[in-house]
Amino acid sequence: MVARDTGPVEGASDVTSRPVEAIAAAYLTQTSGDLALALRCAITDASADLLGAECQTRERSRLISRGFVRGRLDDTGDAL
């Protein structure tokens, strides 16, 4: 249920200066003016983007932690 902009929006010159308005217009155009469906699509897309960002953050954190463990010193002062 992903709505994507497939072309110019009617009155696009009016909304291109305001990104939020342009995004809302694109969702409404994609859903043929169905407000409830447009809202659900926007929320679904935002949730998917948030989940993707959280996964990337966890992966980076895991890689950084692994780097710290590989670079730590043991009890004798020698690197592992």
N, C-alpha and C. Protein backbone atom coordinates (compact mmCIF):
# COMPACT_ATOMS: atom_id res chain seq x y z
N MET A 1 0.83 -1.17 0.00
CA MET A 1 0.00 0.00 0.00
C MET A 1 0.89 1.24 0.00
N VAL A 2 1.77 1.33 -0.96
CA VAL A 2 2.69 2.45 -1.05
C VAL A 2 2.24 3.37 -2.17
N ALA A 3 1.97 4.62 -1.83
CA ALA A 3 1.59 5.60 -2.84
C ALA A 3 2.84 6.33 -3.29
N ARG A 4 3.04 6.39 -4.58
CA ARG A 4 4.19 7.09 -5.13
C ARG A 4 3.71 8.09 -6.16
N ASP A 5 4.40 9.19 -6.27
CA ASP A 5 4.06 10.20 -7.25
C ASP A 5 4.38 9.67 -8.64
N THR A 6 3.37 9.63 -9.50
CA THR A 6 3.57 9.09 -10.84
C THR A 6 3.55 10.17 -11.91
N GLY A 7 3.46 11.41 -11.51
CA GLY A 7 3.45 12.47 -12.49
C GLY A 7 3.15 13.80 -11.83
N PRO A 8 3.00 14.82 -12.65
CA PRO A 8 2.74 16.14 -12.10
C PRO A 8 1.39 16.21 -11.41
N VAL A 9 1.34 17.00 -10.38
CA VAL A 9 0.12 17.21 -9.61
C VAL A 9 -0.56 18.45 -10.16
N GLU A 10 -1.91 18.40 -10.25
CA GLU A 10 -2.62 19.59 -10.69
C GLU A 10 -2.29 20.74 -9.77
N GLY A 11 -2.00 21.89 -10.33
CA GLY A 11 -1.65 23.05 -9.52
C GLY A 11 -0.29 22.89 -8.87
N ALA A 12 0.57 22.11 -9.50
CA ALA A 12 1.87 21.81 -8.91
C ALA A 12 2.68 23.08 -8.64
N SER A 13 2.52 24.09 -9.46
CA SER A 13 3.29 25.32 -9.25
C SER A 13 2.93 25.98 -7.92
N ASP A 14 1.70 25.76 -7.47
CA ASP A 14 1.27 26.33 -6.19
C ASP A 14 1.86 25.58 -5.01
N VAL A 15 2.05 24.28 -5.15
CA VAL A 15 2.45 23.48 -3.99
C VAL A 15 3.92 23.14 -3.96
N THR A 16 4.66 23.34 -5.04
CA THR A 16 6.06 22.92 -5.03
C THR A 16 6.91 23.75 -4.09
N SER A 17 6.46 24.92 -3.73
CA SER A 17 7.23 25.75 -2.81
C SER A 17 7.02 25.30 -1.37
N ARG A 18 6.05 24.45 -1.13
CA ARG A 18 5.78 23.93 0.21
C ARG A 18 5.81 22.41 0.15
N PRO A 19 6.90 21.80 0.60
CA PRO A 19 7.05 20.34 0.47
C PRO A 19 5.91 19.54 1.10
N VAL A 20 5.43 19.95 2.25
CA VAL A 20 4.35 19.20 2.91
C VAL A 20 3.10 19.20 2.05
N GLU A 21 2.78 20.35 1.46
CA GLU A 21 1.61 20.45 0.60
C GLU A 21 1.80 19.59 -0.65
N ALA A 22 3.00 19.58 -1.20
CA ALA A 22 3.28 18.78 -2.39
C ALA A 22 3.14 17.29 -2.08
N ILE A 23 3.63 16.87 -0.92
CA ILE A 23 3.52 15.46 -0.53
C ILE A 23 2.06 15.09 -0.33
N ALA A 24 1.31 15.93 0.37
CA ALA A 24 -0.12 15.66 0.60
C ALA A 24 -0.86 15.59 -0.73
N ALA A 25 -0.57 16.51 -1.62
CA ALA A 25 -1.23 16.52 -2.93
C ALA A 25 -0.90 15.26 -3.72
N ALA A 26 0.35 14.80 -3.63
CA ALA A 26 0.74 13.58 -4.34
C ALA A 26 -0.01 12.37 -3.81
N TYR A 27 -0.13 12.25 -2.49
CA TYR A 27 -0.88 11.14 -1.91
C TYR A 27 -2.35 11.21 -2.30
N LEU A 28 -2.92 12.39 -2.27
CA LEU A 28 -4.33 12.54 -2.66
C LEU A 28 -4.54 12.21 -4.13
N THR A 29 -3.61 12.62 -4.97
CA THR A 29 -3.72 12.31 -6.39
C THR A 29 -3.61 10.81 -6.61
N GLN A 30 -2.66 10.18 -5.94
CA GLN A 30 -2.44 8.75 -6.10
C GLN A 30 -3.64 7.94 -5.62
N THR A 31 -4.36 8.45 -4.63
CA THR A 31 -5.51 7.72 -4.07
C THR A 31 -6.84 8.25 -4.59
N SER A 32 -6.79 9.00 -5.67
CA SER A 32 -7.99 9.57 -6.31
C SER A 32 -8.83 10.38 -5.33
N GLY A 33 -8.16 11.10 -4.45
CA GLY A 33 -8.85 12.00 -3.52
C GLY A 33 -9.40 11.33 -2.28
N ASP A 34 -9.13 10.06 -2.07
CA ASP A 34 -9.62 9.35 -0.88
C ASP A 34 -8.74 9.76 0.31
N LEU A 35 -9.28 10.63 1.16
CA LEU A 35 -8.51 11.17 2.28
C LEU A 35 -8.03 10.08 3.24
N ALA A 36 -8.93 9.16 3.59
CA ALA A 36 -8.57 8.12 4.55
C ALA A 36 -7.46 7.23 3.99
N LEU A 37 -7.58 6.85 2.73
CA LEU A 37 -6.55 6.00 2.12
C LEU A 37 -5.23 6.75 1.98
N ALA A 38 -5.29 8.02 1.62
CA ALA A 38 -4.08 8.83 1.50
C ALA A 38 -3.36 8.92 2.85
N LEU A 39 -4.12 9.11 3.91
CA LEU A 39 -3.53 9.17 5.24
C LEU A 39 -2.90 7.84 5.62
N ARG A 40 -3.60 6.74 5.35
CA ARG A 40 -3.04 5.42 5.68
C ARG A 40 -1.77 5.15 4.88
N CYS A 41 -1.75 5.54 3.60
CA CYS A 41 -0.55 5.35 2.77
C CYS A 41 0.62 6.18 3.31
N ALA A 42 0.34 7.42 3.68
CA ALA A 42 1.40 8.29 4.20
C ALA A 42 1.96 7.73 5.51
N ILE A 43 1.08 7.26 6.38
CA ILE A 43 1.53 6.69 7.65
C ILE A 43 2.33 5.41 7.41
N THR A 44 1.86 4.57 6.49
CA THR A 44 2.58 3.33 6.16
C THR A 44 3.97 3.63 5.63
N ASP A 45 4.06 4.59 4.72
CA ASP A 45 5.37 4.95 4.17
C ASP A 45 6.29 5.53 5.24
N ALA A 46 5.74 6.40 6.09
CA ALA A 46 6.55 7.00 7.16
C ALA A 46 7.03 5.93 8.14
N SER A 47 6.15 4.99 8.47
CA SER A 47 6.53 3.91 9.40
C SER A 47 7.63 3.05 8.79
N ALA A 48 7.51 2.74 7.50
CA ALA A 48 8.53 1.92 6.83
C ALA A 48 9.87 2.66 6.82
N ASP A 49 9.83 3.95 6.54
CA ASP A 49 11.08 4.74 6.54
C ASP A 49 11.69 4.78 7.94
N LEU A 50 10.87 4.94 8.96
CA LEU A 50 11.36 4.97 10.34
C LEU A 50 11.98 3.64 10.72
N LEU A 51 11.31 2.55 10.37
CA LEU A 51 11.84 1.22 10.67
C LEU A 51 13.18 1.00 9.96
N GLY A 52 13.27 1.42 8.71
CA GLY A 52 14.53 1.30 7.98
C GLY A 52 15.65 2.09 8.63
N ALA A 53 15.34 3.30 9.08
CA ALA A 53 16.34 4.14 9.74
C ALA A 53 16.78 3.51 11.06
N GLU A 54 15.84 2.94 11.80
CA GLU A 54 16.18 2.29 13.07
C GLU A 54 17.07 1.07 12.84
N CYS A 55 16.78 0.31 11.79
CA CYS A 55 17.61 -0.86 11.47
C CYS A 55 19.03 -0.43 11.11
N GLN A 56 19.15 0.64 10.32
CA GLN A 56 20.48 1.14 9.96
C GLN A 56 21.24 1.62 11.19
N THR A 57 20.55 2.28 12.10
CA THR A 57 21.18 2.77 13.32
C THR A 57 21.68 1.60 14.17
N ARG A 58 20.85 0.55 14.32
CA ARG A 58 21.27 -0.63 15.10
C ARG A 58 22.47 -1.31 14.46
N GLU A 59 22.45 -1.41 13.12
CA GLU A 59 23.57 -2.05 12.42
C GLU A 59 24.85 -1.25 12.60
N ARG A 60 24.78 0.05 12.49
CA ARG A 60 25.97 0.89 12.70
C ARG A 60 26.47 0.75 14.12
N SER A 61 25.56 0.74 15.08
CA SER A 61 25.94 0.60 16.48
C SER A 61 26.65 -0.74 16.71
N ARG A 62 26.12 -1.79 16.08
CA ARG A 62 26.72 -3.12 16.23
C ARG A 62 28.13 -3.12 15.64
N LEU A 63 28.29 -2.51 14.47
CA LEU A 63 29.61 -2.46 13.84
C LEU A 63 30.60 -1.64 14.65
N ILE A 64 30.13 -0.53 15.20
CA ILE A 64 31.00 0.31 16.04
C ILE A 64 31.41 -0.46 17.29
N SER A 65 30.45 -1.15 17.93
CA SER A 65 30.76 -1.92 19.13
C SER A 65 31.77 -3.01 18.81
N ARG A 66 31.61 -3.68 17.69
CA ARG A 66 32.55 -4.73 17.30
C ARG A 66 33.95 -4.13 17.11
N GLY A 67 34.03 -2.94 16.55
CA GLY A 67 35.32 -2.28 16.36
C GLY A 67 35.99 -1.96 17.68
N PHE A 68 35.22 -1.52 18.67
CA PHE A 68 35.79 -1.23 19.98
C PHE A 68 36.30 -2.50 20.64
N VAL A 69 35.58 -3.60 20.52
CA VAL A 69 35.99 -4.86 21.12
C VAL A 69 37.27 -5.36 20.47
N ARG A 70 37.38 -5.26 19.16
CA ARG A 70 38.59 -5.72 18.47
C ARG A 70 39.80 -4.88 18.83
N GLY A 71 39.60 -3.62 19.17
CA GLY A 71 40.71 -2.74 19.46
C GLY A 71 41.06 -2.63 20.94
N ARG A 72 40.35 -3.34 21.79
CA ARG A 72 40.62 -3.20 23.23
C ARG A 72 41.93 -3.85 23.61
N LEU A 73 42.43 -3.47 24.78
CA LEU A 73 43.66 -4.05 25.31
C LEU A 73 43.32 -5.14 26.32
N ASP A 74 44.11 -6.23 26.33
CA ASP A 74 43.89 -7.26 27.34
C ASP A 74 44.63 -6.88 28.62
N ASP A 75 44.62 -7.76 29.62
CA ASP A 75 45.20 -7.47 30.94
C ASP A 75 46.70 -7.23 30.88
N THR A 76 47.40 -7.78 29.89
CA THR A 76 48.86 -7.62 29.81
C THR A 76 49.24 -6.32 29.10
N GLY A 77 48.28 -5.61 28.59
CA GLY A 77 48.56 -4.37 27.89
C GLY A 77 48.81 -4.55 26.41
N ASP A 78 48.76 -5.79 25.94
CA ASP A 78 48.92 -6.05 24.51
C ASP A 78 47.56 -6.01 23.81
N ALA A 79 47.58 -5.56 22.59
CA ALA A 79 46.34 -5.55 21.81
C ALA A 79 45.97 -6.97 21.45
N LEU A 80 44.65 -7.24 21.40
CA LEU A 80 44.20 -8.58 21.02
C LEU A 80 44.38 -8.84 19.55
